[in-house]
């Protein structure tokens, strides 16, 4: 039974990934209230799966992959739909997606060529995620509350700045870890080669 319970956070994460579809549909149908409610459910599920994984030690390797993928999938989908609706500039959506692609491809390359990825979200990365969420919520809610429009410019600028800074930060982190692993391997090969057979 406990083996199945360990998969509960992963199940919640999978449900959050599936919520991407109704959220996109609600956006396309110009249903801001429904979209915000679905967003709230997705946010609650994100907090719940993380809590269960930490509280009961139900962390799994697949969960460590699914959780960030679910977050990036949802945000990328929302940005693309909002861009198609003309609510978000195309250049900002492009910046968000390019950053995520760089991070994902970097992580995959590191995993294949070097080993397990140990990079943790930095403060600026968490700030970027927060800025993206607030910006998206304001853009969606602006359909109901026009006074929020004044905040879009500043929030959009904060998203762009943190996207660039966090993207560079991830590249530097992966590069530094790759260099350290390379030096370690060379040292081990040198030391091993100098030992008598």
Protein backbone atom coordinates (compact mmCIF):
# COMPACT_ATOMS: atom_id res chain seq x y z
CA UNK A 1 0.00 0.00 0.00
CA UNK A 2 2.81 2.39 0.92
CA UNK A 3 4.37 1.75 -2.50
CA UNK A 4 1.21 3.08 -4.15
CA UNK A 5 0.99 6.02 -1.76
CA UNK A 6 4.49 7.06 -2.82
CA UNK A 7 3.03 7.66 -6.28
CA UNK A 8 0.28 9.97 -5.00
CA UNK A 9 2.31 13.18 -5.55
CA UNK A 10 3.05 12.00 -9.10
CA UNK A 11 -0.64 11.36 -9.71
CA UNK A 12 -1.48 14.88 -8.53
CA UNK A 13 1.23 16.27 -10.79
CA UNK A 14 -0.20 14.32 -13.74
CA UNK A 15 -3.65 15.76 -13.02
CA UNK A 16 -2.10 19.25 -13.02
CA UNK A 17 -0.63 18.54 -16.44
CA UNK A 18 -4.05 17.48 -17.70
CA UNK A 19 -5.54 20.73 -16.40
CA UNK A 20 -3.51 22.52 -19.08
CA UNK A 21 -6.15 21.55 -21.67
CA UNK A 22 -9.27 22.97 -19.92
CA UNK A 23 -7.32 26.10 -18.96
CA UNK A 24 -6.37 26.67 -22.61
CA UNK A 25 -9.96 26.03 -23.72
CA UNK A 26 -11.34 28.44 -21.11
CA UNK A 27 -8.91 31.11 -22.30
CA UNK A 28 -9.85 30.61 -25.93
CA UNK A 29 -13.53 30.87 -25.03
CA UNK A 30 -12.88 34.12 -23.12
CA UNK A 31 -13.99 32.70 -19.78
CA UNK A 32 -11.70 34.51 -17.32
CA UNK A 33 -13.52 33.43 -14.16
CA UNK A 34 -13.37 29.74 -15.14
CA UNK A 35 -9.73 30.14 -16.10
CA UNK A 36 -8.85 31.70 -12.76
CA UNK A 37 -10.62 28.92 -10.86
CA UNK A 38 -8.76 26.28 -12.85
CA UNK A 39 -5.53 28.13 -12.21
CA UNK A 40 -6.31 28.11 -8.49
CA UNK A 41 -6.86 24.33 -8.57
CA UNK A 42 -3.58 23.86 -10.45
CA UNK A 43 -1.75 26.04 -7.93
CA UNK A 44 -3.25 24.12 -5.00
CA UNK A 45 -2.24 20.81 -6.57
CA UNK A 46 1.31 22.11 -7.03
CA UNK A 47 1.51 22.93 -3.34
CA UNK A 48 -0.13 19.66 -2.30
CA UNK A 49 2.13 17.31 -4.23
CA UNK A 50 5.20 19.13 -2.94
CA UNK A 51 3.93 18.95 0.65
CA UNK A 52 3.18 15.22 0.43
CA UNK A 53 6.57 14.47 -1.11
CA UNK A 54 8.40 16.38 1.64
CA UNK A 55 6.21 15.45 4.61
CA UNK A 56 6.08 11.70 4.02
CA UNK A 57 9.28 11.22 2.04
CA UNK A 58 7.38 10.24 -1.10
CA UNK A 59 9.97 11.72 -3.42
CA UNK A 60 10.68 9.76 -6.59
CA UNK A 61 13.00 10.32 -9.55
CA UNK A 62 10.06 10.54 -11.95
CA UNK A 63 8.40 13.05 -9.63
CA UNK A 64 11.48 15.23 -9.71
CA UNK A 65 11.15 15.34 -13.50
CA UNK A 66 7.37 15.60 -13.79
CA UNK A 67 6.89 18.49 -11.36
CA UNK A 68 8.98 21.12 -13.20
CA UNK A 69 7.77 19.80 -16.57
CA UNK A 70 4.14 20.24 -15.45
CA UNK A 71 4.83 23.83 -14.36
CA UNK A 72 6.64 24.74 -17.57
CA UNK A 73 4.02 23.05 -19.74
CA UNK A 74 1.20 24.97 -18.12
CA UNK A 75 2.92 28.37 -18.21
CA UNK A 76 4.13 27.89 -21.79
CA UNK A 77 0.64 26.88 -22.93
CA UNK A 78 -0.98 29.84 -21.21
CA UNK A 79 1.55 32.29 -22.69
CA UNK A 80 1.08 30.85 -26.19
CA UNK A 81 -2.73 31.06 -25.96
CA UNK A 82 -2.60 34.60 -24.59
CA UNK A 83 -0.22 35.56 -27.40
CA UNK A 84 -2.60 34.10 -29.97
CA UNK A 85 -5.41 36.14 -28.41
CA UNK A 86 -3.25 39.27 -28.60
CA UNK A 87 -3.22 39.69 -24.82
CA UNK A 88 0.53 39.12 -24.42
CA UNK A 89 3.31 40.36 -26.74
CA UNK A 90 4.78 37.68 -28.99
CA UNK A 91 8.33 38.66 -28.04
CA UNK A 92 7.62 38.09 -24.35
CA UNK A 93 6.07 34.69 -25.03
CA UNK A 94 9.07 33.79 -27.18
CA UNK A 95 11.47 34.78 -24.39
CA UNK A 96 9.61 32.64 -21.85
CA UNK A 97 9.52 29.58 -24.12
CA UNK A 98 13.14 29.92 -25.28
CA UNK A 99 14.30 30.09 -21.65
CA UNK A 100 12.38 26.95 -20.76
CA UNK A 101 13.73 25.15 -23.82
CA UNK A 102 17.29 26.12 -22.90
CA UNK A 103 16.80 24.82 -19.36
CA UNK A 104 15.17 21.55 -20.42
CA UNK A 105 17.66 20.82 -23.21
CA UNK A 106 20.52 21.76 -20.91
CA UNK A 107 19.27 19.40 -18.22
CA UNK A 108 18.80 16.56 -20.73
CA UNK A 109 22.27 17.09 -22.21
CA UNK A 110 23.82 17.19 -18.74
CA UNK A 111 21.99 14.00 -17.73
CA UNK A 112 23.06 12.13 -20.87
CA UNK A 113 26.67 13.34 -21.07
CA UNK A 114 27.61 13.79 -17.41
CA UNK A 115 25.14 12.39 -14.91
CA UNK A 116 22.22 13.23 -12.62
CA UNK A 117 21.24 16.90 -12.60
CA UNK A 118 21.72 18.46 -9.17
CA UNK A 119 20.81 22.06 -9.98
CA UNK A 120 18.16 23.52 -7.69
CA UNK A 121 15.93 26.47 -8.62
CA UNK A 122 17.78 29.65 -7.74
CA UNK A 123 16.23 32.67 -6.06
CA UNK A 124 16.03 34.52 -9.38
CA UNK A 125 14.38 31.49 -11.01
CA UNK A 126 11.76 31.35 -8.26
CA UNK A 127 11.27 35.10 -8.66
CA UNK A 128 10.78 34.62 -12.40
CA UNK A 129 8.13 31.95 -11.79
CA UNK A 130 6.35 34.25 -9.35
CA UNK A 131 6.47 37.14 -11.84
CA UNK A 132 5.09 34.93 -14.61
CA UNK A 133 2.21 33.68 -12.46
CA UNK A 134 1.24 37.17 -11.26
CA UNK A 135 1.54 38.59 -14.78
CA UNK A 136 -0.68 35.87 -16.26
CA UNK A 137 -3.26 36.26 -13.50
CA UNK A 138 -3.38 40.03 -14.04
CA UNK A 139 -3.73 39.63 -17.82
CA UNK A 140 -6.59 37.15 -17.36
CA UNK A 141 -8.30 39.13 -14.59
CA UNK A 142 -7.98 42.35 -16.60
CA UNK A 143 -10.89 41.11 -18.72
CA UNK A 144 -13.04 41.52 -15.61
CA UNK A 145 -11.24 44.40 -13.90
CA UNK A 146 -9.95 46.96 -16.39
CA UNK A 147 -8.02 48.90 -13.71
CA UNK A 148 -5.45 46.07 -13.66
CA UNK A 149 -4.31 47.08 -17.16
CA UNK A 150 -1.91 49.65 -15.71
CA UNK A 151 0.06 46.88 -14.01
CA UNK A 152 0.61 44.81 -17.13
CA UNK A 153 3.53 46.88 -18.47
CA UNK A 154 5.51 46.71 -15.24
CA UNK A 155 4.78 43.06 -14.64
CA UNK A 156 5.63 42.19 -18.25
CA UNK A 157 8.95 44.01 -17.90
CA UNK A 158 9.72 42.14 -14.66
CA UNK A 159 8.95 38.83 -16.40
CA UNK A 160 11.30 39.66 -19.27
CA UNK A 161 14.16 40.78 -17.02
CA UNK A 162 13.93 37.76 -14.73
CA UNK A 163 13.59 35.44 -17.74
CA UNK A 164 16.91 36.67 -19.12
CA UNK A 165 18.73 36.71 -15.77
CA UNK A 166 17.46 33.29 -14.67
CA UNK A 167 18.22 31.78 -18.08
CA UNK A 168 21.83 33.00 -17.90
CA UNK A 169 22.03 31.78 -14.30
CA UNK A 170 20.96 28.27 -15.28
CA UNK A 171 23.52 28.15 -18.09
CA UNK A 172 26.26 29.23 -15.67
CA UNK A 173 25.19 26.67 -13.07
CA UNK A 174 25.14 23.79 -15.58
CA UNK A 175 28.45 24.95 -17.04
CA UNK A 176 30.11 25.19 -13.62
CA UNK A 177 28.87 21.73 -12.60
CA UNK A 178 30.01 20.25 -15.93
CA UNK A 179 33.47 21.78 -15.48
CA UNK A 180 33.73 20.42 -11.92
CA UNK A 181 32.68 16.94 -13.03
CA UNK A 182 35.17 17.06 -15.90
CA UNK A 183 38.03 18.04 -13.55
CA UNK A 184 37.00 15.30 -11.12
CA UNK A 185 37.00 12.66 -13.84
CA UNK A 186 40.40 13.78 -15.14
CA UNK A 187 41.82 13.67 -11.61
CA UNK A 188 40.39 10.20 -10.98
CA UNK A 189 41.72 8.96 -14.34
CA UNK A 190 45.15 10.44 -13.61
CA UNK A 191 45.31 9.02 -10.09
CA UNK A 192 44.06 5.66 -11.27
CA UNK A 193 46.57 5.57 -14.10
CA UNK A 194 49.48 6.33 -11.76
CA UNK A 195 48.67 3.42 -9.45
CA UNK A 196 50.46 0.13 -10.12
CA UNK A 197 48.36 -2.62 -11.63
